[in-house]
Amino acid sequence: MMAPGGMKLVLRLGQAWSAEDHARTGSVRGALESEQRRMLRSSAATKYHAGSQAEITKTDFERFARVNEYFPPQVRRERFSVIENAVEGVEELRVVWLLLKDQFRDEFE
């Protein structure tokens, strides 16, 4: 039989572990939402939605995608995969990403 103090400790630890598990589950969703917010605020998205698509530069693309010329091909592919997941189902981002992929297709090789 456990002492009352021991039982309180077990219950408190159980609640802490449960909260920690919940935080881990939500962290992927939270990271995805954070990435979406960042991309929506990017200069590429701002220019696109303002009708200034022709003014989107390579720098705007790199900031949107969070890559640069020093990223090795595998890291770039992984980063682009994250973006593909982030824009899925978010039309405001999907259209920007499609334009960027077309306009900067040489960056995907």
PDB file of N, CA and C in Angstrom:
ATOM      1  N   MET A   1       0.845  -1.171   0.000  1.00  0.00           N
ATOM      2  CA  MET A   1       0.000   0.000   0.000  1.00  0.00           C
ATOM      3  C   MET A   1       0.890   1.234   0.000  1.00  0.00           C
ATOM      4  N   MET A   2       0.508   2.201  -0.828  1.00  0.00           N
ATOM      5  CA  MET A   2       1.297   3.417  -0.962  1.00  0.00           C
ATOM      6  C   MET A   2       0.808   4.462   0.032  1.00  0.00           C
ATOM      7  N   ALA A   3       1.762   5.212   0.568  1.00  0.00           N
ATOM      8  CA  ALA A   3       1.435   6.299   1.493  1.00  0.00           C
ATOM      9  C   ALA A   3       0.743   7.419   0.721  1.00  0.00           C
ATOM     10  N   PRO A   4      -0.094   8.236   1.382  1.00  0.00           N
ATOM     11  CA  PRO A   4      -0.790   9.326   0.709  1.00  0.00           C
ATOM     12  C   PRO A   4       0.156  10.277  -0.024  1.00  0.00           C
ATOM     13  N   GLY A   5       1.310  10.566   0.553  1.00  0.00           N
ATOM     14  CA  GLY A   5       2.284  11.453  -0.108  1.00  0.00           C
ATOM     15  C   GLY A   5       2.823  10.834  -1.383  1.00  0.00           C
ATOM     16  N   GLY A   6       3.037   9.514  -1.354  1.00  0.00           N
ATOM     17  CA  GLY A   6       3.510   8.804  -2.545  1.00  0.00           C
ATOM     18  C   GLY A   6       2.471   8.822  -3.644  1.00  0.00           C
ATOM     19  N   MET A   7       1.205   8.644  -3.255  1.00  0.00           N
ATOM     20  CA  MET A   7       0.122   8.663  -4.238  1.00  0.00           C
ATOM     21  C   MET A   7       0.015  10.037  -4.895  1.00  0.00           C
ATOM     22  N   LYS A   8       0.156  11.115  -4.099  1.00  0.00           N
ATOM     23  CA  LYS A   8       0.112  12.461  -4.660  1.00  0.00           C
ATOM     24  C   LYS A   8       1.240  12.680  -5.663  1.00  0.00           C
ATOM     25  N   LEU A   9       2.419  12.153  -5.317  1.00  0.00           N
ATOM     26  CA  LEU A   9       3.566  12.281  -6.205  1.00  0.00           C
ATOM     27  C   LEU A   9       3.309  11.566  -7.529  1.00  0.00           C
ATOM     28  N   VAL A  10       2.795  10.349  -7.457  1.00  0.00           N
ATOM     29  CA  VAL A  10       2.506   9.575  -8.669  1.00  0.00           C
ATOM     30  C   VAL A  10       1.475  10.302  -9.539  1.00  0.00           C
ATOM     31  N   LEU A  11       0.433  10.832  -8.917  1.00  0.00           N
ATOM     32  CA  LEU A  11      -0.593  11.550  -9.674  1.00  0.00           C
ATOM     33  C   LEU A  11      -0.028  12.813 -10.321  1.00  0.00           C
ATOM     34  N   ARG A  12       0.805  13.536  -9.577  1.00  0.00           N
ATOM     35  CA  ARG A  12       1.395  14.759 -10.110  1.00  0.00           C
ATOM     36  C   ARG A  12       2.330  14.439 -11.284  1.00  0.00           C
ATOM     37  N   LEU A  13       3.149  13.400 -11.149  1.00  0.00           N
ATOM     38  CA  LEU A  13       4.042  12.997 -12.234  1.00  0.00           C
ATOM     39  C   LEU A  13       3.247  12.525 -13.447  1.00  0.00           C
ATOM     40  N   GLY A  14       2.168  11.805 -13.189  1.00  0.00           N
ATOM     41  CA  GLY A  14       1.321  11.337 -14.287  1.00  0.00           C
ATOM     42  C   GLY A  14       0.737  12.489 -15.076  1.00  0.00           C
ATOM     43  N   GLN A  15       0.306  13.538 -14.397  1.00  0.00           N
ATOM     44  CA  GLN A  15      -0.231  14.710 -15.077  1.00  0.00           C
ATOM     45  C   GLN A  15       0.858  15.423 -15.871  1.00  0.00           C
ATOM     46  N   ALA A  16       2.047  15.494 -15.321  1.00  0.00           N
ATOM     47  CA  ALA A  16       3.158  16.148 -16.026  1.00  0.00           C
ATOM     48  C   ALA A  16       3.508  15.373 -17.290  1.00  0.00           C
ATOM     49  N   TRP A  17       3.568  14.041 -17.198  1.00  0.00           N
ATOM     50  CA  TRP A  17       3.876  13.234 -18.381  1.00  0.00           C
ATOM     51  C   TRP A  17       2.784  13.375 -19.422  1.00  0.00           C
ATOM     52  N   SER A  18       1.553  13.417 -18.992  1.00  0.00           N
ATOM     53  CA  SER A  18       0.444  13.569 -19.922  1.00  0.00           C
ATOM     54  C   SER A  18       0.523  14.909 -20.641  1.00  0.00           C
ATOM     55  N   ALA A  19       0.811  15.961 -19.921  1.00  0.00           N
ATOM     56  CA  ALA A  19       0.939  17.287 -20.532  1.00  0.00           C
ATOM     57  C   ALA A  19       2.110  17.316 -21.504  1.00  0.00           C
ATOM     58  N   GLU A  20       3.202  16.647 -21.158  1.00  0.00           N
ATOM     59  CA  GLU A  20       4.378  16.606 -22.019  1.00  0.00           C
ATOM     60  C   GLU A  20       4.060  15.872 -23.313  1.00  0.00           C
ATOM     61  N   ASP A  21       3.337  14.738 -23.219  1.00  0.00           N
ATOM     62  CA  ASP A  21       2.950  13.991 -24.414  1.00  0.00           C
ATOM     63  C   ASP A  21       2.059  14.841 -25.311  1.00  0.00           C
ATOM     64  N   HIS A  22       1.138  15.578 -24.711  1.00  0.00           N
ATOM     65  CA  HIS A  22       0.246  16.435 -25.485  1.00  0.00           C
ATOM     66  C   HIS A  22       1.046  17.530 -26.198  1.00  0.00           C
ATOM     67  N   ALA A  23       2.019  18.090 -25.523  1.00  0.00           N
ATOM     68  CA  ALA A  23       2.836  19.143 -26.125  1.00  0.00           C
ATOM     69  C   ALA A  23       3.606  18.594 -27.313  1.00  0.00           C
ATOM     70  N   ARG A  24       4.114  17.390 -27.200  1.00  0.00           N
ATOM     71  CA  ARG A  24       4.844  16.803 -28.318  1.00  0.00           C
ATOM     72  C   ARG A  24       3.925  16.566 -29.502  1.00  0.00           C
ATOM     73  N   THR A  25       2.722  16.108 -29.245  1.00  0.00           N
ATOM     74  CA  THR A  25       1.771  15.840 -30.320  1.00  0.00           C
ATOM     75  C   THR A  25       1.440  17.139 -31.048  1.00  0.00           C
ATOM     76  N   GLY A  26       1.228  18.201 -30.333  1.00  0.00           N
ATOM     77  CA  GLY A  26       0.876  19.472 -30.931  1.00  0.00           C
ATOM     78  C   GLY A  26       2.047  20.211 -31.534  1.00  0.00           C
ATOM     79  N   SER A  27       3.265  19.792 -31.245  1.00  0.00           N
ATOM     80  CA  SER A  27       4.417  20.552 -31.700  1.00  0.00           C
ATOM     81  C   SER A  27       4.572  20.495 -33.213  1.00  0.00           C
ATOM     82  N   VAL A  28       4.239  19.388 -33.842  1.00  0.00           N
ATOM     83  CA  VAL A  28       4.334  19.297 -35.294  1.00  0.00           C
ATOM     84  C   VAL A  28       3.328  20.253 -35.921  1.00  0.00           C
ATOM     85  N   ARG A  29       2.121  20.231 -35.420  1.00  0.00           N
ATOM     86  CA  ARG A  29       1.082  21.129 -35.923  1.00  0.00           C
ATOM     87  C   ARG A  29       1.487  22.578 -35.667  1.00  0.00           C
ATOM     88  N   GLY A  30       2.006  22.845 -34.491  1.00  0.00           N
ATOM     89  CA  GLY A  30       2.435  24.203 -34.163  1.00  0.00           C
ATOM     90  C   GLY A  30       3.556  24.679 -35.072  1.00  0.00           C
ATOM     91  N   ALA A  31       4.507  23.810 -35.351  1.00  0.00           N
ATOM     92  CA  ALA A  31       5.615  24.166 -36.238  1.00  0.00           C
ATOM     93  C   ALA A  31       5.106  24.428 -37.651  1.00  0.00           C
ATOM     94  N   LEU A  32       4.162  23.620 -38.100  1.00  0.00           N
ATOM     95  CA  LEU A  32       3.589  23.806 -39.430  1.00  0.00           C
ATOM     96  C   LEU A  32       2.847  25.140 -39.521  1.00  0.00           C
ATOM     97  N   GLU A  33       2.054  25.450 -38.516  1.00  0.00           N
ATOM     98  CA  GLU A  33       1.319  26.718 -38.507  1.00  0.00           C
ATOM     99  C   GLU A  33       2.275  27.912 -38.428  1.00  0.00           C
ATOM    100  N   SER A  34       3.328  27.768 -37.673  1.00  0.00           N
ATOM    101  CA  SER A  34       4.326  28.832 -37.569  1.00  0.00           C
ATOM    102  C   SER A  34       5.007  29.058 -38.921  1.00  0.00           C
ATOM    103  N   GLU A  35       5.326  27.978 -39.600  1.00  0.00           N
ATOM    104  CA  GLU A  35       5.941  28.057 -40.928  1.00  0.00           C
ATOM    105  C   GLU A  35       4.976  28.720 -41.919  1.00  0.00           C
ATOM    106  N   GLN A  36       3.725  28.387 -41.849  1.00  0.00           N
ATOM    107  CA  GLN A  36       2.732  28.994 -42.736  1.00  0.00           C
ATOM    108  C   GLN A  36       2.621  30.495 -42.480  1.00  0.00           C
ATOM    109  N   ARG A  37       2.586  30.887 -41.228  1.00  0.00           N
ATOM    110  CA  ARG A  37       2.521  32.318 -40.898  1.00  0.00           C
ATOM    111  C   ARG A  37       3.757  33.048 -41.420  1.00  0.00           C
ATOM    112  N   ARG A  38       4.917  32.443 -41.259  1.00  0.00           N
ATOM    113  CA  ARG A  38       6.157  33.050 -41.736  1.00  0.00           C
ATOM    114  C   ARG A  38       6.111  33.227 -43.250  1.00  0.00           C
ATOM    115  N   MET A  39       5.664  32.201 -43.959  1.00  0.00           N
ATOM    116  CA  MET A  39       5.612  32.290 -45.417  1.00  0.00           C
ATOM    117  C   MET A  39       4.588  33.323 -45.880  1.00  0.00           C
ATOM    118  N   LEU A  40       3.466  33.434 -45.187  1.00  0.00           N
ATOM    119  CA  LEU A  40       2.453  34.432 -45.556  1.00  0.00           C
ATOM    120  C   LEU A  40       2.984  35.854 -45.388  1.00  0.00           C
ATOM    121  N   ARG A  41       3.888  36.059 -44.438  1.00  0.00           N
ATOM    122  CA  ARG A  41       4.466  37.383 -44.198  1.00  0.00           C
ATOM    123  C   ARG A  41       5.682  37.656 -45.080  1.00  0.00           C
ATOM    124  N   SER A  42       6.114  36.668 -45.845  1.00  0.00           N
ATOM    125  CA  SER A  42       7.328  36.827 -46.655  1.00  0.00           C
ATOM    126  C   SER A  42       7.130  37.864 -47.754  1.00  0.00           C
ATOM    127  N   SER A  43       8.232  38.392 -48.237  1.00  0.00           N
ATOM    128  CA  SER A  43       8.164  39.384 -49.314  1.00  0.00           C
ATOM    129  C   SER A  43       7.616  38.766 -50.588  1.00  0.00           C
ATOM    130  N   ALA A  44       7.912  37.507 -50.843  1.00  0.00           N
ATOM    131  CA  ALA A  44       7.386  36.849 -52.047  1.00  0.00           C
ATOM    132  C   ALA A  44       5.866  36.771 -52.000  1.00  0.00           C
ATOM    133  N   ALA A  45       5.308  36.364 -50.872  1.00  0.00           N
ATOM    134  CA  ALA A  45       3.849  36.264 -50.744  1.00  0.00           C
ATOM    135  C   ALA A  45       3.213  37.653 -50.789  1.00  0.00           C
ATOM    136  N   THR A  46       3.842  38.619 -50.134  1.00  0.00           N
ATOM    137  CA  THR A  46       3.317  39.982 -50.121  1.00  0.00           C
ATOM    138  C   THR A  46       3.270  40.554 -51.542  1.00  0.00           C
ATOM    139  N   LYS A  47       4.362  40.381 -52.284  1.00  0.00           N
ATOM    140  CA  LYS A  47       4.402  40.879 -53.661  1.00  0.00           C
ATOM    141  C   LYS A  47       3.394  40.143 -54.537  1.00  0.00           C
ATOM    142  N   TYR A  48       3.293  38.831 -54.370  1.00  0.00           N
ATOM    143  CA  TYR A  48       2.346  38.052 -55.166  1.00  0.00           C
ATOM    144  C   TYR A  48       0.921  38.559 -54.961  1.00  0.00           C
ATOM    145  N   HIS A  49       0.516  38.682 -53.730  1.00  0.00           N
ATOM    146  CA  HIS A  49      -0.864  39.064 -53.426  1.00  0.00           C
ATOM    147  C   HIS A  49      -1.143  40.549 -53.699  1.00  0.00           C
ATOM    148  N   ALA A  50      -0.083  41.327 -53.860  1.00  0.00           N
ATOM    149  CA  ALA A  50      -0.245  42.733 -54.233  1.00  0.00           C
ATOM    150  C   ALA A  50      -0.286  42.892 -55.752  1.00  0.00           C
ATOM    151  N   GLY A  51      -0.141  41.783 -56.469  1.00  0.00           N
ATOM    152  CA  GLY A  51      -0.154  41.833 -57.931  1.00  0.00           C
ATOM    153  C   GLY A  51       1.178  42.206 -58.542  1.00  0.00           C
ATOM    154  N   SER A  52       2.242  42.112 -57.765  1.00  0.00           N
ATOM    155  CA  SER A  52       3.580  42.484 -58.239  1.00  0.00           C
ATOM    156  C   SER A  52       4.456  41.258 -58.450  1.00  0.00           C
ATOM    157  N   GLN A  53       3.906  40.240 -59.079  1.00  0.00           N
ATOM    158  CA  GLN A  53       4.639  38.990 -59.272  1.00  0.00           C
ATOM    159  C   GLN A  53       5.958  39.197 -60.018  1.00  0.00           C
ATOM    160  N   ALA A  54       5.982  40.126 -60.965  1.00  0.00           N
ATOM    161  CA  ALA A  54       7.198  40.370 -61.754  1.00  0.00           C
ATOM    162  C   ALA A  54       8.333  40.932 -60.901  1.00  0.00           C
ATOM    163  N   GLU A  55       8.017  41.472 -59.737  1.00  0.00           N
ATOM    164  CA  GLU A  55       9.033  42.058 -58.865  1.00  0.00           C
ATOM    165  C   GLU A  55       9.644  41.042 -57.892  1.00  0.00           C
ATOM    166  N   ILE A  56       9.166  39.808 -57.910  1.00  0.00           N
ATOM    167  CA  ILE A  56       9.700  38.789 -56.999  1.00  0.00           C
ATOM    168  C   ILE A  56      11.100  38.396 -57.468  1.00  0.00           C
ATOM    169  N   THR A  57      12.060  38.534 -56.561  1.00  0.00           N
ATOM    170  CA  THR A  57      13.464  38.279 -56.886  1.00  0.00           C
ATOM    171  C   THR A  57      13.909  36.917 -56.357  1.00  0.00           C
ATOM    172  N   LYS A  58      15.106  36.540 -56.752  1.00  0.00           N
ATOM    173  CA  LYS A  58      15.690  35.299 -56.238  1.00  0.00           C
ATOM    174  C   LYS A  58      15.840  35.377 -54.724  1.00  0.00           C
ATOM    175  N   THR A  59      16.172  36.537 -54.220  1.00  0.00           N
ATOM    176  CA  THR A  59      16.284  36.723 -52.772  1.00  0.00           C
ATOM    177  C   THR A  59      14.944  36.492 -52.090  1.00  0.00           C
ATOM    178  N   ASP A  60      13.869  36.972 -52.702  1.00  0.00           N
ATOM    179  CA  ASP A  60      12.526  36.726 -52.160  1.00  0.00           C
ATOM    180  C   ASP A  60      12.246  35.223 -52.125  1.00  0.00           C
ATOM    181  N   PHE A  61      12.606  34.538 -53.208  1.00  0.00           N
ATOM    182  CA  PHE A  61      12.438  33.085 -53.263  1.00  0.00           C
ATOM    183  C   PHE A  61      13.224  32.413 -52.140  1.00  0.00           C
ATOM    184  N   GLU A  62      14.492  32.788 -51.987  1.00  0.00           N
ATOM    185  CA  GLU A  62      15.342  32.158 -50.975  1.00  0.00           C
ATOM    186  C   GLU A  62      14.804  32.402 -49.568  1.00  0.00           C
ATOM    187  N   ARG A  63      14.275  33.575 -49.330  1.00  0.00           N
ATOM    188  CA  ARG A  63      13.703  33.872 -48.007  1.00  0.00           C
ATOM    189  C   ARG A  63      12.421  33.089 -47.774  1.00  0.00           C
ATOM    190  N   PHE A  64      11.594  32.972 -48.804  1.00  0.00           N
ATOM    191  CA  PHE A  64      10.365  32.193 -48.693  1.00  0.00           C
ATOM    192  C   PHE A  64      10.700  30.727 -48.407  1.00  0.00           C
ATOM    193  N   ALA A  65      11.666  30.193 -49.168  1.00  0.00           N
ATOM    194  CA  ALA A  65      12.031  28.780 -49.045  1.00  0.00           C
ATOM    195  C   ALA A  65      13.042  28.520 -47.928  1.00  0.00           C
ATOM    196  N   ARG A  66      13.652  29.578 -47.431  1.00  0.00           N
ATOM    197  CA  ARG A  66      14.700  29.477 -46.405  1.00  0.00           C
ATOM    198  C   ARG A  66      15.854  28.601 -46.872  1.00  0.00           C
ATOM    199  N   VAL A  67      16.323  28.891 -48.076  1.00  0.00           N
ATOM    200  CA  VAL A  67      17.485  28.223 -48.649  1.00  0.00           C
ATOM    201  C   VAL A  67      18.393  29.284 -49.270  1.00  0.00           C
ATOM    202  N   ASN A  68      19.626  28.882 -49.570  1.00  0.00           N
ATOM    203  CA  ASN A  68      20.515  29.743 -50.343  1.00  0.00           C
ATOM    204  C   ASN A  68      21.447  28.866 -51.157  1.00  0.00           C
ATOM    205  N   GLU A  69      22.366  29.483 -51.886  1.00  0.00           N
ATOM    206  CA  GLU A  69      23.226  28.720 -52.801  1.00  0.00           C
ATOM    207  C   GLU A  69      24.186  27.775 -52.089  1.00  0.00           C
ATOM    208  N   TYR A  70      24.352  27.923 -50.789  1.00  0.00           N
ATOM    209  CA  TYR A  70      25.273  27.070 -50.046  1.00  0.00           C
ATOM    210  C   TYR A  70      24.621  25.786 -49.528  1.00  0.00           C
ATOM    211  N   PHE A  71      23.327  25.673 -49.649  1.00  0.00           N
ATOM    212  CA  PHE A  71      22.636  24.462 -49.198  1.00  0.00           C
ATOM    213  C   PHE A  71      22.929  23.325 -50.173  1.00  0.00           C
ATOM    214  N   PRO A  72      23.374  22.168 -49.674  1.00  0.00           N
ATOM    215  CA  PRO A  72      23.590  21.024 -50.566  1.00  0.00           C
ATOM    216  C   PRO A  72      22.247  20.523 -51.124  1.00  0.00           C
ATOM    217  N   PRO A  73      22.273  19.841 -52.264  1.00  0.00           N
ATOM    218  CA  PRO A  73      21.037  19.390 -52.911  1.00  0.00           C
ATOM    219  C   PRO A  73      20.079  18.617 -51.997  1.00  0.00           C
ATOM    220  N   GLN A  74      20.601  17.716 -51.191  1.00  0.00           N
ATOM    221  CA  GLN A  74      19.725  16.920 -50.318  1.00  0.00           C
ATOM    222  C   GLN A  74      19.001  17.797 -49.296  1.00  0.00           C
ATOM    223  N   VAL A  75      19.684  18.753 -48.732  1.00  0.00           N
ATOM    224  CA  VAL A  75      19.080  19.654 -47.756  1.00  0.00           C
ATOM    225  C   VAL A  75      18.022  20.527 -48.438  1.00  0.00           C
ATOM    226  N   ARG A  76      18.316  20.972 -49.656  1.00  0.00           N
ATOM    227  CA  ARG A  76      17.336  21.759 -50.411  1.00  0.00           C
ATOM    228  C   ARG A  76      16.073  20.937 -50.663  1.00  0.00           C
ATOM    229  N   ARG A  77      16.251  19.679 -51.084  1.00  0.00           N
ATOM    230  CA  ARG A  77      15.089  18.811 -51.338  1.00  0.00           C
ATOM    231  C   ARG A  77      14.264  18.617 -50.073  1.00  0.00           C
ATOM    232  N   GLU A  78      14.934  18.430 -48.946  1.00  0.00           N
ATOM    233  CA  GLU A  78      14.214  18.277 -47.676  1.00  0.00           C
ATOM    234  C   GLU A  78      13.452  19.550 -47.327  1.00  0.00           C
ATOM    235  N   ARG A  79      14.077  20.683 -47.546  1.00  0.00           N
ATOM    236  CA  ARG A  79      13.432  21.968 -47.254  1.00  0.00           C
ATOM    237  C   ARG A  79      12.217  22.174 -48.156  1.00  0.00           C
ATOM    238  N   PHE A  80      12.364  21.846 -49.439  1.00  0.00           N
ATOM    239  CA  PHE A  80      11.253  21.984 -50.374  1.00  0.00           C
ATOM    240  C   PHE A  80      10.115  21.034 -50.015  1.00  0.00           C
ATOM    241  N   SER A  81      10.434  19.889 -49.482  1.00  0.00           N
ATOM    242  CA  SER A  81       9.410  18.941 -49.033  1.00  0.00           C
ATOM    243  C   SER A  81       8.618  19.519 -47.864  1.00  0.00           C
ATOM    244  N   VAL A  82       9.306  20.171 -46.948  1.00  0.00           N
ATOM    245  CA  VAL A  82       8.627  20.836 -45.821  1.00  0.00           C
ATOM    246  C   VAL A  82       7.664  21.895 -46.353  1.00  0.00           C
ATOM    247  N   ILE A  83       8.113  22.646 -47.341  1.00  0.00           N
ATOM    248  CA  ILE A  83       7.260  23.688 -47.914  1.00  0.00           C
ATOM    249  C   ILE A  83       6.052  23.076 -48.600  1.00  0.00           C
ATOM    250  N   GLU A  84       6.259  22.002 -49.342  1.00  0.00           N
ATOM    251  CA  GLU A  84       5.137  21.329 -50.010  1.00  0.00           C
ATOM    252  C   GLU A  84       4.070  20.941 -48.977  1.00  0.00           C
ATOM    253  N   ASN A  85       4.502  20.437 -47.845  1.00  0.00           N
ATOM    254  CA  ASN A  85       3.556  20.069 -46.787  1.00  0.00           C
ATOM    255  C   ASN A  85       2.883  21.295 -46.183  1.00  0.00           C
ATOM    256  N   ALA A  86       3.634  22.357 -46.019  1.00  0.00           N
ATOM    257  CA  ALA A  86       3.088  23.564 -45.392  1.00  0.00           C
ATOM    258  C   ALA A  86       2.061  24.264 -46.279  1.00  0.00           C
ATOM    259  N   VAL A  87       2.248  24.227 -47.585  1.00  0.00           N
ATOM    260  CA  VAL A  87       1.328  24.937 -48.479  1.00  0.00           C
ATOM    261  C   VAL A  87       0.092  24.108 -48.824  1.00  0.00           C
ATOM    262  N   GLU A  88       0.144  22.820 -48.549  1.00  0.00           N
ATOM    263  CA  GLU A  88      -0.991  21.940 -48.850  1.00  0.00           C
ATOM    264  C   GLU A  88      -2.238  22.409 -48.112  1.00  0.00           C
ATOM    265  N   GLY A  89      -3.282  22.706 -48.870  1.00  0.00           N
ATOM    266  CA  GLY A  89      -4.542  23.119 -48.269  1.00  0.00           C
ATOM    267  C   GLY A  89      -4.624  24.593 -47.897  1.00  0.00           C
ATOM    268  N   VAL A  90      -3.553  25.351 -48.162  1.00  0.00           N
ATOM    269  CA  VAL A  90      -3.558  26.789 -47.879  1.00  0.00           C
ATOM    270  C   VAL A  90      -3.376  27.491 -49.226  1.00  0.00           C
ATOM    271  N   GLU A  91      -4.485  27.825 -49.843  1.00  0.00           N
ATOM    272  CA  GLU A  91      -4.466  28.353 -51.219  1.00  0.00           C
ATOM    273  C   GLU A  91      -3.600  29.593 -51.360  1.00  0.00           C
ATOM    274  N   GLU A  92      -3.617  30.484 -50.362  1.00  0.00           N
ATOM    275  CA  GLU A  92      -2.809  31.709 -50.443  1.00  0.00           C
ATOM    276  C   GLU A  92      -1.318  31.402 -50.562  1.00  0.00           C
ATOM    277  N   LEU A  93      -0.890  30.301 -49.959  1.00  0.00           N
ATOM    278  CA  LEU A  93       0.516  29.904 -50.041  1.00  0.00           C
ATOM    279  C   LEU A  93       0.778  29.019 -51.250  1.00  0.00           C
ATOM    280  N   ARG A  94      -0.170  28.166 -51.566  1.00  0.00           N
ATOM    281  CA  ARG A  94       0.021  27.222 -52.669  1.00  0.00           C
ATOM    282  C   ARG A  94       0.274  27.971 -53.979  1.00  0.00           C
ATOM    283  N   VAL A  95      -0.495  29.024 -54.243  1.00  0.00           N
ATOM    284  CA  VAL A  95      -0.323  29.761 -55.498  1.00  0.00           C
ATOM    285  C   VAL A  95       1.039  30.469 -55.548  1.00  0.00           C
ATOM    286  N   VAL A  96       1.495  30.959 -54.423  1.00  0.00           N
ATOM    287  CA  VAL A  96       2.820  31.597 -54.370  1.00  0.00           C
ATOM    288  C   VAL A  96       3.897  30.554 -54.644  1.00  0.00           C
ATOM    289  N   TRP A  97       3.789  29.404 -54.009  1.00  0.00           N
ATOM    290  CA  TRP A  97       4.783  28.348 -54.175  1.00  0.00           C
ATOM    291  C   TRP A  97       4.813  27.853 -55.620  1.00  0.00           C
ATOM    292  N   LEU A  98       3.651  27.696 -56.248  1.00  0.00           N
ATOM    293  CA  LEU A  98       3.615  27.270 -57.646  1.00  0.00           C
ATOM    294  C   LEU A  98       4.311  28.282 -58.543  1.00  0.00           C
ATOM    295  N   LEU A  99       4.084  29.561 -58.300  1.00  0.00           N
ATOM    296  CA  LEU A  99       4.761  30.600 -59.081  1.00  0.00           C
ATOM    297  C   LEU A  99       6.272  30.545 -58.859  1.00  0.00           C
ATOM    298  N   LEU A 100       6.682  30.436 -57.610  1.00  0.00           N
ATOM    299  CA  LEU A 100       8.114  30.394 -57.304  1.00  0.00           C
ATOM    300  C   LEU A 100       8.783  29.182 -57.943  1.00  0.00           C
ATOM    301  N   LYS A 101       8.109  28.043 -57.885  1.00  0.00           N
ATOM    302  CA  LYS A 101       8.685  26.835 -58.505  1.00  0.00           C
ATOM    303  C   LYS A 101       8.830  27.012 -60.007  1.00  0.00           C
ATOM    304  N   ASP A 102       7.896  27.700 -60.632  1.00  0.00           N
ATOM    305  CA  ASP A 102       7.972  27.932 -62.075  1.00  0.00           C
ATOM    306  C   ASP A 102       9.027  28.993 -62.398  1.00  0.00           C
ATOM    307  N   GLN A 103       8.994  30.086 -61.668  1.00  0.00           N
ATOM    308  CA  GLN A 103       9.886  31.208 -61.940  1.00  0.00           C
ATOM    309  C   GLN A 103      11.348  30.889 -61.626  1.00  0.00           C
ATOM    310  N   PHE A 104      11.593  30.026 -60.645  1.00  0.00           N
ATOM    311  CA  PHE A 104      12.964  29.709 -60.229  1.00  0.00           C
ATOM    312  C   PHE A 104      13.235  28.217 -60.366  1.00  0.00           C
ATOM    313  N   ARG A 105      12.771  27.632 -61.463  1.00  0.00           N
ATOM    314  CA  ARG A 105      12.883  26.175 -61.643  1.00  0.00           C
ATOM    315  C   ARG A 105      14.319  25.680 -61.608  1.00  0.00           C
ATOM    316  N   ASP A 106      15.268  26.526 -62.008  1.00  0.00           N
ATOM    317  CA  ASP A 106      16.673  26.114 -61.969  1.00  0.00           C
ATOM    318  C   ASP A 106      17.171  25.890 -60.540  1.00  0.00           C
ATOM    319  N   GLU A 107      16.482  26.428 -59.554  1.00  0.00           N
ATOM    320  CA  GLU A 107      16.859  26.243 -58.161  1.00  0.00           C
ATOM    321  C   GLU A 107      16.485  24.856 -57.648  1.00  0.00           C
ATOM    322  N   PHE A 108      15.703  24.115 -58.408  1.00  0.00           N
ATOM    323  CA  PHE A 108      15.222  22.791 -57.975  1.00  0.00           C
ATOM    324  C   PHE A 108      16.042  21.661 -58.573  1.00  0.00           C
ATOM    325  N   GLU A 109      17.056  21.978 -59.334  1.00  0.00           N
ATOM    326  CA  GLU A 109      17.879  20.938 -59.969  1.00  0.00           C
ATOM    327  C   GLU A 109      18.998  20.492 -59.083  1.00  0.00           C
TER     328      GLU A 109
END
